[in-house]
All heavy atoms as atom14 arrays in JSON, in Angstrom:
{
  "sequence": "NWVLQLIGVTAPGWTTDSGWALVTVAGVTVWMVSGFNL",
  "atom14_mask": [
    [1, 1, 1, 1, 1, 1, 1, 1, 0, 0, 0, 0, 0, 0],
    [1, 1, 1, 1, 1, 1, 1, 1, 1, 1, 1, 1, 1, 1],
    [1, 1, 1, 1, 1, 1, 1, 0, 0, 0, 0, 0, 0, 0],
    [1, 1, 1, 1, 1, 1, 1, 1, 0, 0, 0, 0, 0, 0],
    [1, 1, 1, 1, 1, 1, 1, 1, 1, 0, 0, 0, 0, 0],
    [1, 1, 1, 1, 1, 1, 1, 1, 0, 0, 0, 0, 0, 0],
    [1, 1, 1, 1, 1, 1, 1, 1, 0, 0, 0, 0, 0, 0],
    [1, 1, 1, 1, 0, 0, 0, 0, 0, 0, 0, 0, 0, 0],
    [1, 1, 1, 1, 1, 1, 1, 0, 0, 0, 0, 0, 0, 0],
    [1, 1, 1, 1, 1, 1, 1, 0, 0, 0, 0, 0, 0, 0],
    [1, 1, 1, 1, 1, 0, 0, 0, 0, 0, 0, 0, 0, 0],
    [1, 1, 1, 1, 1, 1, 1, 0, 0, 0, 0, 0, 0, 0],
    [1, 1, 1, 1, 0, 0, 0, 0, 0, 0, 0, 0, 0, 0],
    [1, 1, 1, 1, 1, 1, 1, 1, 1, 1, 1, 1, 1, 1],
    [1, 1, 1, 1, 1, 1, 1, 0, 0, 0, 0, 0, 0, 0],
    [1, 1, 1, 1, 1, 1, 1, 0, 0, 0, 0, 0, 0, 0],
    [1, 1, 1, 1, 1, 1, 1, 1, 0, 0, 0, 0, 0, 0],
    [1, 1, 1, 1, 1, 1, 0, 0, 0, 0, 0, 0, 0, 0],
    [1, 1, 1, 1, 0, 0, 0, 0, 0, 0, 0, 0, 0, 0],
    [1, 1, 1, 1, 1, 1, 1, 1, 1, 1, 1, 1, 1, 1],
    [1, 1, 1, 1, 1, 0, 0, 0, 0, 0, 0, 0, 0, 0],
    [1, 1, 1, 1, 1, 1, 1, 1, 0, 0, 0, 0, 0, 0],
    [1, 1, 1, 1, 1, 1, 1, 0, 0, 0, 0, 0, 0, 0],
    [1, 1, 1, 1, 1, 1, 1, 0, 0, 0, 0, 0, 0, 0],
    [1, 1, 1, 1, 1, 1, 1, 0, 0, 0, 0, 0, 0, 0],
    [1, 1, 1, 1, 1, 0, 0, 0, 0, 0, 0, 0, 0, 0],
    [1, 1, 1, 1, 0, 0, 0, 0, 0, 0, 0, 0, 0, 0],
    [1, 1, 1, 1, 1, 1, 1, 0, 0, 0, 0, 0, 0, 0],
    [1, 1, 1, 1, 1, 1, 1, 0, 0, 0, 0, 0, 0, 0],
    [1, 1, 1, 1, 1, 1, 1, 0, 0, 0, 0, 0, 0, 0],
    [1, 1, 1, 1, 1, 1, 1, 1, 1, 1, 1, 1, 1, 1],
    [1, 1, 1, 1, 1, 1, 1, 1, 0, 0, 0, 0, 0, 0],
    [1, 1, 1, 1, 1, 1, 1, 0, 0, 0, 0, 0, 0, 0],
    [1, 1, 1, 1, 1, 1, 0, 0, 0, 0, 0, 0, 0, 0],
    [1, 1, 1, 1, 0, 0, 0, 0, 0, 0, 0, 0, 0, 0],
    [1, 1, 1, 1, 1, 1, 1, 1, 1, 1, 1, 0, 0, 0],
    [1, 1, 1, 1, 1, 1, 1, 1, 0, 0, 0, 0, 0, 0],
    [1, 1, 1, 1, 1, 1, 1, 1, 0, 0, 0, 0, 0, 0]
  ],
  "atom14_positions": [
    [[112.6, 98.87, 76.31], [114.01, 98.88, 75.89], [114.2, 99.62, 74.59], [115.22, 100.28, 74.39], [114.48, 97.42, 75.74], [114.6, 96.68, 77.06], [114.32, 97.27, 78.13], [114.99, 95.44, 77.03], [0.0, 0.0, 0.0], [0.0, 0.0, 0.0], [0.0, 0.0, 0.0], [0.0, 0.0, 0.0], [0.0, 0.0, 0.0], [0.0, 0.0, 0.0]],
    [[113.15, 99.53, 73.71], [113.24, 100.25, 72.4], [113.29, 101.74, 72.61], [114.09, 102.47, 72.02], [112.07, 99.86, 71.55], [112.02, 100.56, 70.26], [112.8, 100.38, 69.16], [111.07, 101.61, 69.88], [112.46, 101.23, 68.14], [111.4, 101.99, 68.52], [110.07, 102.24, 70.54], [110.7, 103.0, 67.88], [109.36, 103.27, 69.89], [109.69, 103.63, 68.55]],
    [[112.45, 102.26, 73.55], [112.43, 103.68, 73.86], [113.78, 104.11, 74.46], [114.35, 105.12, 74.12], [111.26, 104.05, 74.8], [111.38, 105.49, 75.25], [109.93, 103.83, 74.08], [0.0, 0.0, 0.0], [0.0, 0.0, 0.0], [0.0, 0.0, 0.0], [0.0, 0.0, 0.0], [0.0, 0.0, 0.0], [0.0, 0.0, 0.0], [0.0, 0.0, 0.0]],
    [[114.28, 103.3, 75.36], [115.59, 103.63, 76.0], [116.69, 103.62, 74.95], [117.61, 104.49, 74.98], [115.91, 102.62, 77.09], [115.03, 102.69, 78.32], [115.41, 101.56, 79.3], [115.15, 104.03, 79.02], [0.0, 0.0, 0.0], [0.0, 0.0, 0.0], [0.0, 0.0, 0.0], [0.0, 0.0, 0.0], [0.0, 0.0, 0.0], [0.0, 0.0, 0.0]],
    [[116.6, 102.72, 74.0], [117.63, 102.66, 72.94], [117.6, 103.9, 72.07], [118.62, 104.39, 71.6], [117.43, 101.39, 72.11], [118.5, 101.17, 71.02], [118.31, 99.85, 70.29], [117.22, 99.22, 70.43], [119.24, 99.52, 69.47], [0.0, 0.0, 0.0], [0.0, 0.0, 0.0], [0.0, 0.0, 0.0], [0.0, 0.0, 0.0], [0.0, 0.0, 0.0]],
    [[116.37, 104.45, 71.86], [116.22, 105.63, 71.01], [116.97, 106.84, 71.61], [117.46, 107.71, 70.94], [114.78, 106.0, 70.85], [113.97, 105.04, 69.89], [112.53, 105.53, 69.79], [114.59, 105.06, 68.52], [0.0, 0.0, 0.0], [0.0, 0.0, 0.0], [0.0, 0.0, 0.0], [0.0, 0.0, 0.0], [0.0, 0.0, 0.0], [0.0, 0.0, 0.0]],
    [[117.01, 106.88, 72.96], [117.64, 108.01, 73.67], [119.11, 107.67, 74.06], [119.7, 108.42, 74.86], [116.8, 108.51, 74.87], [116.63, 107.36, 75.9], [115.47, 108.99, 74.4], [115.91, 107.75, 77.14], [0.0, 0.0, 0.0], [0.0, 0.0, 0.0], [0.0, 0.0, 0.0], [0.0, 0.0, 0.0], [0.0, 0.0, 0.0], [0.0, 0.0, 0.0]],
    [[119.57, 106.54, 73.61], [120.96, 106.19, 73.89], [121.23, 105.54, 75.2], [122.36, 105.62, 75.69], [0.0, 0.0, 0.0], [0.0, 0.0, 0.0], [0.0, 0.0, 0.0], [0.0, 0.0, 0.0], [0.0, 0.0, 0.0], [0.0, 0.0, 0.0], [0.0, 0.0, 0.0], [0.0, 0.0, 0.0], [0.0, 0.0, 0.0], [0.0, 0.0, 0.0]],
    [[120.24, 104.97, 75.84], [120.43, 104.32, 77.13], [120.36, 102.84, 76.97], [119.43, 102.27, 76.3], [119.32, 104.79, 78.13], [119.47, 104.08, 79.46], [119.39, 106.31, 78.33], [0.0, 0.0, 0.0], [0.0, 0.0, 0.0], [0.0, 0.0, 0.0], [0.0, 0.0, 0.0], [0.0, 0.0, 0.0], [0.0, 0.0, 0.0], [0.0, 0.0, 0.0]],
    [[121.37, 102.14, 77.54], [121.34, 100.69, 77.45], [120.44, 100.11, 78.56], [120.62, 100.39, 79.73], [122.77, 100.15, 77.73], [123.64, 100.7, 76.71], [122.8, 98.61, 77.6], [0.0, 0.0, 0.0], [0.0, 0.0, 0.0], [0.0, 0.0, 0.0], [0.0, 0.0, 0.0], [0.0, 0.0, 0.0], [0.0, 0.0, 0.0], [0.0, 0.0, 0.0]],
    [[119.49, 99.31, 78.15], [118.54, 98.77, 79.09], [119.18, 97.7, 79.94], [119.97, 96.88, 79.5], [117.33, 98.14, 78.38], [0.0, 0.0, 0.0], [0.0, 0.0, 0.0], [0.0, 0.0, 0.0], [0.0, 0.0, 0.0], [0.0, 0.0, 0.0], [0.0, 0.0, 0.0], [0.0, 0.0, 0.0], [0.0, 0.0, 0.0], [0.0, 0.0, 0.0]],
    [[118.87, 97.69, 81.25], [119.44, 96.68, 82.14], [118.69, 95.36, 82.01], [117.68, 95.3, 81.35], [119.24, 97.28, 83.52], [118.01, 98.13, 83.37], [118.06, 98.65, 81.97], [0.0, 0.0, 0.0], [0.0, 0.0, 0.0], [0.0, 0.0, 0.0], [0.0, 0.0, 0.0], [0.0, 0.0, 0.0], [0.0, 0.0, 0.0], [0.0, 0.0, 0.0]],
    [[119.15, 94.34, 82.69], [118.43, 93.09, 82.77], [117.37, 93.26, 83.84], [117.62, 93.03, 85.02], [0.0, 0.0, 0.0], [0.0, 0.0, 0.0], [0.0, 0.0, 0.0], [0.0, 0.0, 0.0], [0.0, 0.0, 0.0], [0.0, 0.0, 0.0], [0.0, 0.0, 0.0], [0.0, 0.0, 0.0], [0.0, 0.0, 0.0], [0.0, 0.0, 0.0]],
    [[116.14, 93.67, 83.41], [115.14, 94.03, 84.35], [114.84, 92.96, 85.39], [114.68, 93.26, 86.61], [113.84, 94.42, 83.63], [113.99, 95.56, 82.69], [114.04, 95.49, 81.33], [114.11, 96.95, 83.02], [114.15, 96.77, 80.82], [114.2, 97.67, 81.84], [114.15, 97.64, 84.24], [114.36, 99.06, 81.79], [114.29, 99.02, 84.21], [114.38, 99.74, 83.0]],
    [[114.75, 91.72, 84.91], [114.41, 90.63, 85.87], [115.54, 89.64, 86.07], [115.4, 88.69, 86.85], [113.18, 89.88, 85.36], [113.42, 89.35, 84.06], [111.97, 90.74, 85.34], [0.0, 0.0, 0.0], [0.0, 0.0, 0.0], [0.0, 0.0, 0.0], [0.0, 0.0, 0.0], [0.0, 0.0, 0.0], [0.0, 0.0, 0.0], [0.0, 0.0, 0.0]],
    [[116.69, 89.83, 85.38], [117.79, 88.92, 85.46], [119.0, 89.5, 86.2], [119.9, 88.8, 86.58], [118.24, 88.47, 84.07], [118.58, 89.6, 83.28], [117.11, 87.69, 83.37], [0.0, 0.0, 0.0], [0.0, 0.0, 0.0], [0.0, 0.0, 0.0], [0.0, 0.0, 0.0], [0.0, 0.0, 0.0], [0.0, 0.0, 0.0], [0.0, 0.0, 0.0]],
    [[119.0, 90.81, 86.38], [120.09, 91.49, 87.07], [119.66, 91.62, 88.58], [118.61, 92.2, 88.9], [120.34, 92.84, 86.49], [121.59, 93.57, 87.05], [121.93, 93.27, 88.18], [122.13, 94.4, 86.35], [0.0, 0.0, 0.0], [0.0, 0.0, 0.0], [0.0, 0.0, 0.0], [0.0, 0.0, 0.0], [0.0, 0.0, 0.0], [0.0, 0.0, 0.0]],
    [[120.55, 91.17, 89.48], [120.25, 91.18, 90.9], [120.03, 92.61, 91.42], [119.23, 92.81, 92.38], [121.36, 90.52, 91.66], [121.5, 89.14, 91.35], [0.0, 0.0, 0.0], [0.0, 0.0, 0.0], [0.0, 0.0, 0.0], [0.0, 0.0, 0.0], [0.0, 0.0, 0.0], [0.0, 0.0, 0.0], [0.0, 0.0, 0.0], [0.0, 0.0, 0.0]],
    [[120.69, 93.59, 90.78], [120.54, 94.94, 91.23], [119.23, 95.61, 90.76], [118.83, 96.64, 91.36], [0.0, 0.0, 0.0], [0.0, 0.0, 0.0], [0.0, 0.0, 0.0], [0.0, 0.0, 0.0], [0.0, 0.0, 0.0], [0.0, 0.0, 0.0], [0.0, 0.0, 0.0], [0.0, 0.0, 0.0], [0.0, 0.0, 0.0], [0.0, 0.0, 0.0]],
    [[118.59, 95.04, 89.75], [117.41, 95.67, 89.2], [116.14, 94.86, 89.43], [115.03, 95.37, 89.33], [117.57, 95.79, 87.65], [118.35, 96.99, 87.3], [119.69, 97.11, 87.0], [117.86, 98.35, 87.18], [120.03, 98.37, 86.68], [118.94, 99.2, 86.82], [116.58, 98.94, 87.32], [118.81, 100.54, 86.62], [116.44, 100.29, 87.12], [117.53, 101.05, 86.74]],
    [[116.26, 93.56, 89.74], [115.08, 92.69, 89.83], [114.06, 93.2, 90.89], [112.89, 93.25, 90.63], [115.53, 91.25, 90.14], [0.0, 0.0, 0.0], [0.0, 0.0, 0.0], [0.0, 0.0, 0.0], [0.0, 0.0, 0.0], [0.0, 0.0, 0.0], [0.0, 0.0, 0.0], [0.0, 0.0, 0.0], [0.0, 0.0, 0.0], [0.0, 0.0, 0.0]],
    [[114.57, 93.49, 92.09], [113.63, 93.95, 93.16], [113.01, 95.26, 92.77], [111.77, 95.49, 93.04], [114.39, 94.08, 94.47], [113.52, 94.29, 95.7], [112.65, 93.06, 95.92], [114.38, 94.6, 96.94], [0.0, 0.0, 0.0], [0.0, 0.0, 0.0], [0.0, 0.0, 0.0], [0.0, 0.0, 0.0], [0.0, 0.0, 0.0], [0.0, 0.0, 0.0]],
    [[113.78, 96.17, 92.14], [113.21, 97.44, 91.74], [112.12, 97.23, 90.68], [111.07, 97.91, 90.7], [114.31, 98.35, 91.16], [113.74, 99.69, 90.66], [115.34, 98.65, 92.24], [0.0, 0.0, 0.0], [0.0, 0.0, 0.0], [0.0, 0.0, 0.0], [0.0, 0.0, 0.0], [0.0, 0.0, 0.0], [0.0, 0.0, 0.0], [0.0, 0.0, 0.0]],
    [[112.36, 96.28, 89.75], [111.38, 95.98, 88.7], [110.09, 95.41, 89.32], [108.98, 95.89, 88.96], [111.95, 94.97, 87.7], [113.17, 95.53, 87.17], [110.96, 94.64, 86.63], [0.0, 0.0, 0.0], [0.0, 0.0, 0.0], [0.0, 0.0, 0.0], [0.0, 0.0, 0.0], [0.0, 0.0, 0.0], [0.0, 0.0, 0.0], [0.0, 0.0, 0.0]],
    [[110.21, 94.52, 90.24], [109.01, 93.94, 90.86], [108.26, 94.98, 91.67], [107.02, 95.05, 91.63], [109.39, 92.74, 91.77], [108.21, 92.2, 92.56], [109.99, 91.61, 90.96], [0.0, 0.0, 0.0], [0.0, 0.0, 0.0], [0.0, 0.0, 0.0], [0.0, 0.0, 0.0], [0.0, 0.0, 0.0], [0.0, 0.0, 0.0], [0.0, 0.0, 0.0]],
    [[109.01, 95.88, 92.34], [108.41, 96.97, 93.09], [107.67, 97.91, 92.14], [106.58, 98.43, 92.45], [109.44, 97.7, 93.89], [0.0, 0.0, 0.0], [0.0, 0.0, 0.0], [0.0, 0.0, 0.0], [0.0, 0.0, 0.0], [0.0, 0.0, 0.0], [0.0, 0.0, 0.0], [0.0, 0.0, 0.0], [0.0, 0.0, 0.0], [0.0, 0.0, 0.0]],
    [[108.27, 98.19, 91.0], [107.66, 99.07, 90.0], [106.32, 98.51, 89.48], [105.37, 99.28, 89.32], [0.0, 0.0, 0.0], [0.0, 0.0, 0.0], [0.0, 0.0, 0.0], [0.0, 0.0, 0.0], [0.0, 0.0, 0.0], [0.0, 0.0, 0.0], [0.0, 0.0, 0.0], [0.0, 0.0, 0.0], [0.0, 0.0, 0.0], [0.0, 0.0, 0.0]],
    [[106.29, 97.23, 89.25], [105.04, 96.59, 88.79], [104.0, 96.69, 89.9], [102.82, 96.92, 89.6], [105.27, 95.09, 88.4], [103.99, 94.42, 88.07], [106.24, 95.05, 87.17], [0.0, 0.0, 0.0], [0.0, 0.0, 0.0], [0.0, 0.0, 0.0], [0.0, 0.0, 0.0], [0.0, 0.0, 0.0], [0.0, 0.0, 0.0], [0.0, 0.0, 0.0]],
    [[104.39, 96.47, 91.14], [103.47, 96.57, 92.27], [102.93, 98.03, 92.38], [101.75, 98.18, 92.68], [104.15, 96.12, 93.59], [104.74, 94.85, 93.39], [103.14, 96.05, 94.7], [0.0, 0.0, 0.0], [0.0, 0.0, 0.0], [0.0, 0.0, 0.0], [0.0, 0.0, 0.0], [0.0, 0.0, 0.0], [0.0, 0.0, 0.0], [0.0, 0.0, 0.0]],
    [[103.8, 98.98, 92.2], [103.36, 100.37, 92.23], [102.34, 100.6, 91.12], [101.3, 101.31, 91.33], [104.57, 101.34, 92.07], [104.12, 102.76, 91.81], [105.48, 101.26, 93.31], [0.0, 0.0, 0.0], [0.0, 0.0, 0.0], [0.0, 0.0, 0.0], [0.0, 0.0, 0.0], [0.0, 0.0, 0.0], [0.0, 0.0, 0.0], [0.0, 0.0, 0.0]],
    [[102.6, 100.1, 89.95], [101.66, 100.24, 88.81], [100.3, 99.66, 89.17], [99.26, 100.22, 88.79], [102.26, 99.57, 87.59], [101.44, 99.64, 86.37], [101.32, 100.72, 85.51], [100.62, 98.63, 85.82], [100.47, 100.41, 84.46], [100.03, 99.12, 84.61], [100.32, 97.33, 86.2], [99.18, 98.39, 83.81], [99.47, 96.56, 85.39], [98.89, 97.09, 84.21]],
    [[100.32, 98.53, 89.91], [99.08, 97.89, 90.25], [98.27, 98.66, 91.3], [97.04, 98.78, 91.19], [99.38, 96.45, 90.78], [99.87, 95.52, 89.75], [100.34, 93.92, 90.5], [98.89, 93.45, 91.39], [0.0, 0.0, 0.0], [0.0, 0.0, 0.0], [0.0, 0.0, 0.0], [0.0, 0.0, 0.0], [0.0, 0.0, 0.0], [0.0, 0.0, 0.0]],
    [[98.95, 99.2, 92.32], [98.21, 99.89, 93.41], [97.89, 101.33, 93.07], [96.98, 101.89, 93.69], [99.04, 99.87, 94.7], [99.38, 98.45, 95.14], [100.31, 100.71, 94.56], [0.0, 0.0, 0.0], [0.0, 0.0, 0.0], [0.0, 0.0, 0.0], [0.0, 0.0, 0.0], [0.0, 0.0, 0.0], [0.0, 0.0, 0.0], [0.0, 0.0, 0.0]],
    [[98.52, 101.88, 92.06], [98.3, 103.28, 91.75], [96.84, 103.59, 91.31], [96.3, 104.64, 91.63], [99.25, 103.74, 90.64], [100.59, 103.76, 91.14], [0.0, 0.0, 0.0], [0.0, 0.0, 0.0], [0.0, 0.0, 0.0], [0.0, 0.0, 0.0], [0.0, 0.0, 0.0], [0.0, 0.0, 0.0], [0.0, 0.0, 0.0], [0.0, 0.0, 0.0]],
    [[96.21, 102.68, 90.66], [94.83, 102.88, 90.18], [93.89, 103.08, 91.33], [93.1, 104.02, 91.33], [0.0, 0.0, 0.0], [0.0, 0.0, 0.0], [0.0, 0.0, 0.0], [0.0, 0.0, 0.0], [0.0, 0.0, 0.0], [0.0, 0.0, 0.0], [0.0, 0.0, 0.0], [0.0, 0.0, 0.0], [0.0, 0.0, 0.0], [0.0, 0.0, 0.0]],
    [[93.96, 102.18, 92.3], [93.06, 102.28, 93.5], [93.41, 103.51, 94.29], [92.48, 104.27, 94.71], [93.24, 101.03, 94.35], [92.45, 101.1, 95.63], [91.07, 100.89, 95.62], [93.14, 101.28, 96.82], [90.36, 100.95, 96.81], [92.38, 101.35, 98.0], [91.05, 101.18, 97.99], [0.0, 0.0, 0.0], [0.0, 0.0, 0.0], [0.0, 0.0, 0.0]],
    [[94.71, 103.77, 94.53], [95.05, 104.96, 95.29], [94.62, 106.25, 94.58], [94.21, 107.22, 95.25], [96.59, 104.95, 95.5], [97.05, 103.84, 96.41], [96.22, 103.14, 96.98], [98.35, 103.67, 96.5], [0.0, 0.0, 0.0], [0.0, 0.0, 0.0], [0.0, 0.0, 0.0], [0.0, 0.0, 0.0], [0.0, 0.0, 0.0], [0.0, 0.0, 0.0]],
    [[94.69, 106.25, 93.23], [94.25, 107.43, 92.52], [92.76, 107.67, 92.75], [92.3, 108.83, 92.9], [94.59, 107.25, 91.07], [94.12, 108.35, 90.1], [94.76, 109.69, 90.49], [94.42, 108.04, 88.64], [0.0, 0.0, 0.0], [0.0, 0.0, 0.0], [0.0, 0.0, 0.0], [0.0, 0.0, 0.0], [0.0, 0.0, 0.0], [0.0, 0.0, 0.0]]
  ]
}
C-alpha cells in the first residue's frame, strides 16, 4: 500500500473487498506455485 500511495494509487481492501478478495488469494497462490514451476 505504501508503494501504491507513492505513485498516487489508492490501495483497495485486499482481503475485505468482495471484488478483490478472490484476486488476492489467487495472487498468493500464484506466488506459491511460481517457484516450483520456475
